[in-house]
Amino acid sequence: MGFFHDIGTTQYINFEEFICIDMTQSSENIVSIPVGDVELEGMLAVPEDAPGIVVFAHGSGSSRKSPRNNFVAEVIRDRGLGTLLFDLLTEKEDQFRENRFDIPLLTDRLLAVTEWRQTREATADLNVGYFGSSTGAASALRAAARTGDVDAIVSRGGRVDMAEAVLDEIQAPTLFIVGGADTEVLELNREAYDQLDCEKELHVVAGAGHLFEDEGELEEVADVAADWFAETLQ
């Protein structure tokens, strides 16, 4: 279908005032993750006695520094869960637009990072969730279909249609969050939702566009996602 523009790549709202991340109750590290012949930069934060960790798969053109995903990650940590935000591409790779839409490559990267966390004492035994945004949701769904090591999935404004071939293979509880005014993506999510054969939920944020820019919209996304992970990653 013709709908393949770079949705979710431009960030218009400054959420820095929200991202005063309190790490006093968690172990936070800047990490370098070896994947093949590259190293991916990430931010790992694990609250004490966390039962699970949420690995973030960013959308095209975004990174571990995404203010929206950092805000969501902070709310998730407030629920007592760990978070890992990392760059799916190196700076050099991200210069080529086609890499941002190379879903098989991004899926392989996500799986490699998921395996990497098993090598770290702080995260080896934790239940694992994926939080995917835009195109990152497609890689999260594809990765979950290929491994039994994922316990929950949340998609925010996800291009879930790009994982259509594996939707019926997803076993982990899956939540789609979409803006009510993001009509094209909402329709794609409804179609994909019908193909899921697992515990599932579709949450529509009334009136919200693709970037959840208006007052209270991102907060709703974060609360709903954090509740989902808190219930499924215990």
C-alpha atoms as a PDB file:
ATOM      1  CA  MET A   1       0.000   0.000   0.000  1.00  0.00           C
ATOM      2  CA  GLY A   2       1.138   3.591  -0.522  1.00  0.00           C
ATOM      3  CA  PHE A   3       1.374   4.465   3.159  1.00  0.00           C
ATOM      4  CA  PHE A   4       5.130   4.400   3.787  1.00  0.00           C
ATOM      5  CA  HIS A   5       6.166   7.901   4.744  1.00  0.00           C
ATOM      6  CA  ASP A   6       8.548   8.636   7.595  1.00  0.00           C
ATOM      7  CA  ILE A   7       5.917   8.813  10.337  1.00  0.00           C
ATOM      8  CA  GLY A   8       7.250   9.217  13.825  1.00  0.00           C
ATOM      9  CA  THR A   9      10.696  10.493  12.815  1.00  0.00           C
ATOM     10  CA  THR A  10      10.217  14.169  13.698  1.00  0.00           C
ATOM     11  CA  GLN A  11       9.990  15.240  17.292  1.00  0.00           C
ATOM     12  CA  TYR A  12       8.235  18.563  17.753  1.00  0.00           C
ATOM     13  CA  ILE A  13       7.639  18.622  21.468  1.00  0.00           C
ATOM     14  CA  ASN A  14      10.334  19.204  24.032  1.00  0.00           C
ATOM     15  CA  PHE A  15       9.731  16.708  26.811  1.00  0.00           C
ATOM     16  CA  GLU A  16      13.044  17.369  28.556  1.00  0.00           C
ATOM     17  CA  GLU A  17      11.213  18.994  31.462  1.00  0.00           C
ATOM     18  CA  PHE A  18       9.571  15.622  32.111  1.00  0.00           C
ATOM     19  CA  ILE A  19      12.763  13.597  31.914  1.00  0.00           C
ATOM     20  CA  CYS A  20      14.369  14.285  35.269  1.00  0.00           C
ATOM     21  CA  ILE A  21      15.209  10.628  35.695  1.00  0.00           C
ATOM     22  CA  ASP A  22      15.750   9.640  39.319  1.00  0.00           C
ATOM     23  CA  MET A  23      18.297   6.843  39.380  1.00  0.00           C
ATOM     24  CA  THR A  24      18.829   6.819  43.128  1.00  0.00           C
ATOM     25  CA  GLN A  25      16.827   3.607  43.510  1.00  0.00           C
ATOM     26  CA  SER A  26      18.255   1.816  40.478  1.00  0.00           C
ATOM     27  CA  SER A  27      21.490   0.612  38.970  1.00  0.00           C
ATOM     28  CA  GLU A  28      21.995   2.725  35.836  1.00  0.00           C
ATOM     29  CA  ASN A  29      24.721   2.195  33.270  1.00  0.00           C
ATOM     30  CA  ILE A  30      25.718   3.498  29.888  1.00  0.00           C
ATOM     31  CA  VAL A  31      26.475   0.285  28.037  1.00  0.00           C
ATOM     32  CA  SER A  32      28.167  -0.673  24.798  1.00  0.00           C
ATOM     33  CA  ILE A  33      26.611  -3.787  23.286  1.00  0.00           C
ATOM     34  CA  PRO A  34      28.662  -5.840  20.793  1.00  0.00           C
ATOM     35  CA  VAL A  35      26.539  -7.053  17.887  1.00  0.00           C
ATOM     36  CA  GLY A  36      28.431  -8.658  15.027  1.00  0.00           C
ATOM     37  CA  ASP A  37      31.091  -6.224  13.865  1.00  0.00           C
ATOM     38  CA  VAL A  38      29.497  -3.143  15.478  1.00  0.00           C
ATOM     39  CA  GLU A  39      28.822  -1.883  18.973  1.00  0.00           C
ATOM     40  CA  LEU A  40      25.481  -0.325  19.903  1.00  0.00           C
ATOM     41  CA  GLU A  41      25.224   2.289  22.626  1.00  0.00           C
ATOM     42  CA  GLY A  42      22.544   1.887  25.280  1.00  0.00           C
ATOM     43  CA  MET A  43      21.209   3.029  28.637  1.00  0.00           C
ATOM     44  CA  LEU A  44      20.422   0.286  31.149  1.00  0.00           C
ATOM     45  CA  ALA A  45      18.560   0.970  34.393  1.00  0.00           C
ATOM     46  CA  VAL A  46      17.421  -1.778  36.751  1.00  0.00           C
ATOM     47  CA  PRO A  47      15.594  -0.958  40.003  1.00  0.00           C
ATOM     48  CA  GLU A  48      16.379  -3.138  42.983  1.00  0.00           C
ATOM     49  CA  ASP A  49      14.383  -6.404  42.988  1.00  0.00           C
ATOM     50  CA  ALA A  50      12.975  -5.752  39.521  1.00  0.00           C
ATOM     51  CA  PRO A  51      11.086  -8.819  38.209  1.00  0.00           C
ATOM     52  CA  GLY A  52      11.473  -7.824  34.570  1.00  0.00           C
ATOM     53  CA  ILE A  53      13.099  -5.527  32.054  1.00  0.00           C
ATOM     54  CA  VAL A  54      11.624  -3.666  29.084  1.00  0.00           C
ATOM     55  CA  VAL A  55      13.793  -3.402  25.974  1.00  0.00           C
ATOM     56  CA  PHE A  56      12.935  -0.448  23.717  1.00  0.00           C
ATOM     57  CA  ALA A  57      12.916  -0.653  19.916  1.00  0.00           C
ATOM     58  CA  HIS A  58      12.828   2.896  18.575  1.00  0.00           C
ATOM     59  CA  GLY A  59      11.172   4.090  15.405  1.00  0.00           C
ATOM     60  CA  SER A  60      12.963   5.199  12.254  1.00  0.00           C
ATOM     61  CA  GLY A  61      15.262   8.156  12.758  1.00  0.00           C
ATOM     62  CA  SER A  62      15.069   7.915  16.545  1.00  0.00           C
ATOM     63  CA  SER A  63      17.567   6.713  19.142  1.00  0.00           C
ATOM     64  CA  ARG A  64      18.047   5.844  22.796  1.00  0.00           C
ATOM     65  CA  LYS A  65      17.808   9.600  23.477  1.00  0.00           C
ATOM     66  CA  SER A  66      14.195   9.803  22.291  1.00  0.00           C
ATOM     67  CA  PRO A  67      12.460  12.086  24.821  1.00  0.00           C
ATOM     68  CA  ARG A  68       9.151  10.274  24.388  1.00  0.00           C
ATOM     69  CA  ASN A  69      10.574   6.835  25.023  1.00  0.00           C
ATOM     70  CA  ASN A  70      12.684   8.121  27.902  1.00  0.00           C
ATOM     71  CA  PHE A  71       9.546   9.507  29.493  1.00  0.00           C
ATOM     72  CA  VAL A  72       7.768   6.164  29.066  1.00  0.00           C
ATOM     73  CA  ALA A  73      10.831   4.362  30.439  1.00  0.00           C
ATOM     74  CA  GLU A  74      10.815   6.527  33.555  1.00  0.00           C
ATOM     75  CA  VAL A  75       7.181   5.631  34.255  1.00  0.00           C
ATOM     76  CA  ILE A  76       7.974   1.949  33.724  1.00  0.00           C
ATOM     77  CA  ARG A  77      10.846   2.156  36.210  1.00  0.00           C
ATOM     78  CA  ASP A  78       8.478   3.777  38.684  1.00  0.00           C
ATOM     79  CA  ARG A  79       6.537   0.490  38.520  1.00  0.00           C
ATOM     80  CA  GLY A  80       9.689  -1.324  39.640  1.00  0.00           C
ATOM     81  CA  LEU A  81      10.801  -2.677  36.247  1.00  0.00           C
ATOM     82  CA  GLY A  82      14.123  -2.273  34.482  1.00  0.00           C
ATOM     83  CA  THR A  83      14.578  -0.579  31.115  1.00  0.00           C
ATOM     84  CA  LEU A  84      17.102  -0.830  28.307  1.00  0.00           C
ATOM     85  CA  LEU A  85      17.093   1.875  25.654  1.00  0.00           C
ATOM     86  CA  PHE A  86      19.636   1.397  22.884  1.00  0.00           C
ATOM     87  CA  ASP A  87      20.456   2.484  19.360  1.00  0.00           C
ATOM     88  CA  LEU A  88      19.390  -0.075  16.774  1.00  0.00           C
ATOM     89  CA  LEU A  89      21.855   1.494  14.329  1.00  0.00           C
ATOM     90  CA  THR A  90      25.277   3.080  14.681  1.00  0.00           C
ATOM     91  CA  GLU A  91      25.645   6.749  13.779  1.00  0.00           C
ATOM     92  CA  LYS A  92      27.272   5.775  10.487  1.00  0.00           C
ATOM     93  CA  GLU A  93      24.520   3.277   9.619  1.00  0.00           C
ATOM     94  CA  ASP A  94      21.804   5.786  10.479  1.00  0.00           C
ATOM     95  CA  GLN A  95      23.082   8.145   7.779  1.00  0.00           C
ATOM     96  CA  PHE A  96      21.518   5.825   5.194  1.00  0.00           C
ATOM     97  CA  ARG A  97      17.736   6.098   5.209  1.00  0.00           C
ATOM     98  CA  GLU A  98      17.226   2.581   3.857  1.00  0.00           C
ATOM     99  CA  ASN A  99      18.755   1.139   7.033  1.00  0.00           C
ATOM    100  CA  ARG A 100      16.002   2.729   9.099  1.00  0.00           C
ATOM    101  CA  PHE A 101      13.429   0.620   7.259  1.00  0.00           C
ATOM    102  CA  ASP A 102      15.489  -2.582   7.081  1.00  0.00           C
ATOM    103  CA  ILE A 103      13.180  -4.501   9.404  1.00  0.00           C
ATOM    104  CA  PRO A 104      15.088  -7.812   9.145  1.00  0.00           C
ATOM    105  CA  LEU A 105      18.311  -6.029  10.183  1.00  0.00           C
ATOM    106  CA  LEU A 106      16.600  -4.234  13.066  1.00  0.00           C
ATOM    107  CA  THR A 107      14.998  -7.497  14.176  1.00  0.00           C
ATOM    108  CA  ASP A 108      18.371  -9.251  14.233  1.00  0.00           C
ATOM    109  CA  ARG A 109      19.799  -6.394  16.290  1.00  0.00           C
ATOM    110  CA  LEU A 110      16.966  -6.560  18.796  1.00  0.00           C
ATOM    111  CA  LEU A 111      17.375 -10.316  19.197  1.00  0.00           C
ATOM    112  CA  ALA A 112      21.132  -9.950  19.657  1.00  0.00           C
ATOM    113  CA  VAL A 113      20.616  -7.343  22.381  1.00  0.00           C
ATOM    114  CA  THR A 114      18.015  -9.556  24.053  1.00  0.00           C
ATOM    115  CA  GLU A 115      20.577 -12.361  24.148  1.00  0.00           C
ATOM    116  CA  TRP A 116      23.275  -9.965  25.395  1.00  0.00           C
ATOM    117  CA  ARG A 117      21.272  -9.084  28.487  1.00  0.00           C
ATOM    118  CA  GLN A 118      21.509 -12.759  29.504  1.00  0.00           C
ATOM    119  CA  THR A 119      25.256 -12.261  29.939  1.00  0.00           C
ATOM    120  CA  ARG A 120      24.818  -9.611  32.632  1.00  0.00           C
ATOM    121  CA  GLU A 121      24.215 -10.621  36.217  1.00  0.00           C
ATOM    122  CA  ALA A 122      21.720  -7.823  36.856  1.00  0.00           C
ATOM    123  CA  THR A 123      19.458  -8.798  33.952  1.00  0.00           C
ATOM    124  CA  ALA A 124      20.100 -12.467  33.160  1.00  0.00           C
ATOM    125  CA  ASP A 125      17.135 -13.841  35.089  1.00  0.00           C
ATOM    126  CA  LEU A 126      14.618 -11.067  34.433  1.00  0.00           C
ATOM    127  CA  ASN A 127      11.429 -11.496  32.437  1.00  0.00           C
ATOM    128  CA  VAL A 128      11.626  -9.556  29.171  1.00  0.00           C
ATOM    129  CA  GLY A 129       9.222  -7.140  27.520  1.00  0.00           C
ATOM    130  CA  TYR A 130       9.512  -5.215  24.255  1.00  0.00           C
ATOM    131  CA  PHE A 131       8.301  -1.644  23.764  1.00  0.00           C
ATOM    132  CA  GLY A 132       8.287  -0.792  20.051  1.00  0.00           C
ATOM    133  CA  SER A 133       7.531   2.592  18.492  1.00  0.00           C
ATOM    134  CA  SER A 134       6.531   3.107  14.853  1.00  0.00           C
ATOM    135  CA  THR A 135       8.809   0.888  12.714  1.00  0.00           C
ATOM    136  CA  GLY A 136      10.434  -0.386  15.912  1.00  0.00           C
ATOM    137  CA  ALA A 137       7.173  -2.149  16.722  1.00  0.00           C
ATOM    138  CA  ALA A 138       7.576  -4.256  13.587  1.00  0.00           C
ATOM    139  CA  SER A 139      11.028  -5.407  14.682  1.00  0.00           C
ATOM    140  CA  ALA A 140       9.707  -6.100  18.194  1.00  0.00           C
ATOM    141  CA  LEU A 141       6.895  -8.291  16.867  1.00  0.00           C
ATOM    142  CA  ARG A 142       9.177 -10.111  14.445  1.00  0.00           C
ATOM    143  CA  ALA A 143      11.760 -10.711  17.165  1.00  0.00           C
ATOM    144  CA  ALA A 144       9.123 -12.009  19.576  1.00  0.00           C
ATOM    145  CA  ALA A 145       7.906 -14.446  16.937  1.00  0.00           C
ATOM    146  CA  ARG A 146      11.426 -15.868  16.602  1.00  0.00           C
ATOM    147  CA  THR A 147      12.212 -16.348  20.276  1.00  0.00           C
ATOM    148  CA  GLY A 148      10.429 -17.781  23.284  1.00  0.00           C
ATOM    149  CA  ASP A 149      12.289 -15.355  25.518  1.00  0.00           C
ATOM    150  CA  VAL A 150       9.777 -12.504  25.368  1.00  0.00           C
ATOM    151  CA  ASP A 151       7.015 -12.230  27.953  1.00  0.00           C
ATOM    152  CA  ALA A 152       5.148  -9.079  26.863  1.00  0.00           C
ATOM    153  CA  ILE A 153       4.956  -6.595  23.989  1.00  0.00           C
ATOM    154  CA  VAL A 154       3.702  -3.019  23.742  1.00  0.00           C
ATOM    155  CA  SER A 155       3.465  -1.155  20.440  1.00  0.00           C
ATOM    156  CA  ARG A 156       3.129   2.652  20.412  1.00  0.00           C
ATOM    157  CA  GLY A 157       1.827   3.986  17.116  1.00  0.00           C
ATOM    158  CA  GLY A 158       3.366   0.891  15.568  1.00  0.00           C
ATOM    159  CA  ARG A 159       3.838  -0.001  11.928  1.00  0.00           C
ATOM    160  CA  VAL A 160       2.580  -3.438  12.882  1.00  0.00           C
ATOM    161  CA  ASP A 161       1.635  -4.114   9.262  1.00  0.00           C
ATOM    162  CA  MET A 162       5.355  -4.559   8.570  1.00  0.00           C
ATOM    163  CA  ALA A 163       5.224  -7.692  10.747  1.00  0.00           C
ATOM    164  CA  GLU A 164       2.052  -9.054   9.154  1.00  0.00           C
ATOM    165  CA  ALA A 165       3.632 -12.385   8.162  1.00  0.00           C
ATOM    166  CA  VAL A 166       4.364 -13.370  11.784  1.00  0.00           C
ATOM    167  CA  LEU A 167       1.435 -11.914  13.697  1.00  0.00           C
ATOM    168  CA  ASP A 168      -0.270 -15.275  14.177  1.00  0.00           C
ATOM    169  CA  GLU A 169       2.979 -16.637  15.674  1.00  0.00           C
ATOM    170  CA  ILE A 170       3.105 -14.137  18.550  1.00  0.00           C
ATOM    171  CA  GLN A 171       2.558 -15.827  21.911  1.00  0.00           C
ATOM    172  CA  ALA A 172       3.428 -13.047  24.350  1.00  0.00           C
ATOM    173  CA  PRO A 173       0.646 -10.797  25.687  1.00  0.00           C
ATOM    174  CA  THR A 174       0.500  -7.889  23.242  1.00  0.00           C
ATOM    175  CA  LEU A 175      -0.838  -4.354  23.640  1.00  0.00           C
ATOM    176  CA  PHE A 176      -1.309  -1.928  20.745  1.00  0.00           C
ATOM    177  CA  ILE A 177      -1.534   1.769  21.688  1.00  0.00           C
ATOM    178  CA  VAL A 178      -2.654   4.115  18.904  1.00  0.00           C
ATOM    179  CA  GLY A 179      -3.852   7.698  18.641  1.00  0.00           C
ATOM    180  CA  GLY A 180      -7.485   8.087  17.678  1.00  0.00           C
ATOM    181  CA  ALA A 181      -6.623  10.796  15.145  1.00  0.00           C
ATOM    182  CA  ASP A 182      -3.786   8.730  13.657  1.00  0.00           C
ATOM    183  CA  THR A 183      -6.317   7.217  11.300  1.00  0.00           C
ATOM    184  CA  GLU A 184      -4.092   5.350   8.848  1.00  0.00           C
ATOM    185  CA  VAL A 185      -1.995   3.742  11.574  1.00  0.00           C
ATOM    186  CA  LEU A 186      -5.110   2.999  13.612  1.00  0.00           C
ATOM    187  CA  GLU A 187      -6.614   1.086  10.705  1.00  0.00           C
ATOM    188  CA  LEU A 188      -3.362  -0.860  10.253  1.00  0.00           C
ATOM    189  CA  ASN A 189      -3.376  -1.716  13.956  1.00  0.00           C
ATOM    190  CA  ARG A 190      -6.986  -2.878  13.881  1.00  0.00           C
ATOM    191  CA  GLU A 191      -6.249  -5.191  10.981  1.00  0.00           C
ATOM    192  CA  ALA A 192      -3.135  -6.563  12.704  1.00  0.00           C
ATOM    193  CA  TYR A 193      -4.965  -6.940  16.015  1.00  0.00           C
ATOM    194  CA  ASP A 194      -7.471  -9.285  14.393  1.00  0.00           C
ATOM    195  CA  GLN A 195      -4.603 -11.525  13.266  1.00  0.00           C
ATOM    196  CA  LEU A 196      -3.089 -11.924  16.729  1.00  0.00           C
ATOM    197  CA  ASP A 197      -3.742 -15.237  18.462  1.00  0.00           C
ATOM    198  CA  CYS A 198      -2.576 -14.373  21.968  1.00  0.00           C
ATOM    199  CA  GLU A 199      -3.652 -12.323  24.985  1.00  0.00           C
ATOM    200  CA  LYS A 200      -4.143  -8.908  23.435  1.00  0.00           C
ATOM    201  CA  GLU A 201      -5.556  -5.431  23.816  1.00  0.00           C
ATOM    202  CA  LEU A 202      -5.968  -2.380  21.580  1.00  0.00           C
ATOM    203  CA  HIS A 203      -5.915   0.931  23.449  1.00  0.00           C
ATOM    204  CA  VAL A 204      -6.924   4.060  21.529  1.00  0.00           C
ATOM    205  CA  VAL A 205      -5.872   7.424  22.964  1.00  0.00           C
ATOM    206  CA  ALA A 206      -8.828   9.637  22.053  1.00  0.00           C
ATOM    207  CA  GLY A 207      -7.959  12.495  19.706  1.00  0.00           C
ATOM    208  CA  ALA A 208      -4.226  11.811  19.693  1.00  0.00           C
ATOM    209  CA  GLY A 209      -2.065  11.997  16.586  1.00  0.00           C
ATOM    210  CA  HIS A 210       0.938   9.837  15.783  1.00  0.00           C
ATOM    211  CA  LEU A 211       3.311  11.658  18.134  1.00  0.00           C
ATOM    212  CA  PHE A 212       0.948  12.001  21.136  1.00  0.00           C
ATOM    213  CA  GLU A 213       1.879  15.664  21.436  1.00  0.00           C
ATOM    214  CA  ASP A 214      -1.104  17.181  23.237  1.00  0.00           C
ATOM    215  CA  GLU A 215      -1.498  17.528  26.974  1.00  0.00           C
ATOM    216  CA  GLY A 216      -1.926  14.250  28.828  1.00  0.00           C
ATOM    217  CA  GLU A 217      -1.576  12.009  25.758  1.00  0.00           C
ATOM    218  CA  LEU A 218       1.955  10.748  26.327  1.00  0.00           C
ATOM    219  CA  GLU A 219       1.171  10.345  30.018  1.00  0.00           C
ATOM    220  CA  GLU A 220      -1.724   8.076  29.066  1.00  0.00           C
ATOM    221  CA  VAL A 221       0.551   6.043  26.795  1.00  0.00           C
ATOM    222  CA  ALA A 222       3.119   5.657  29.561  1.00  0.00           C
ATOM    223  CA  ASP A 223       0.586   4.693  32.219  1.00  0.00           C
ATOM    224  CA  VAL A 224      -1.173   2.117  30.045  1.00  0.00           C
ATOM    225  CA  ALA A 225       2.132   0.606  28.892  1.00  0.00           C
ATOM    226  CA  ALA A 226       3.571   0.501  32.402  1.00  0.00           C
ATOM    227  CA  ASP A 227       0.430  -1.171  33.745  1.00  0.00           C
ATOM    228  CA  TRP A 228       0.623  -3.795  30.989  1.00  0.00           C
ATOM    229  CA  PHE A 229       4.242  -4.622  31.757  1.00  0.00           C
ATOM    230  CA  ALA A 230       3.677  -4.575  35.521  1.00  0.00           C
ATOM    231  CA  GLU A 231       0.962  -7.214  35.105  1.00  0.00           C
ATOM    232  CA  THR A 232       2.747  -9.421  32.573  1.00  0.00           C
ATOM    233  CA  LEU A 233       6.387  -9.338  33.685  1.00  0.00           C
ATOM    234  CA  GLN A 234       5.908 -10.496  37.283  1.00  0.00           C
END
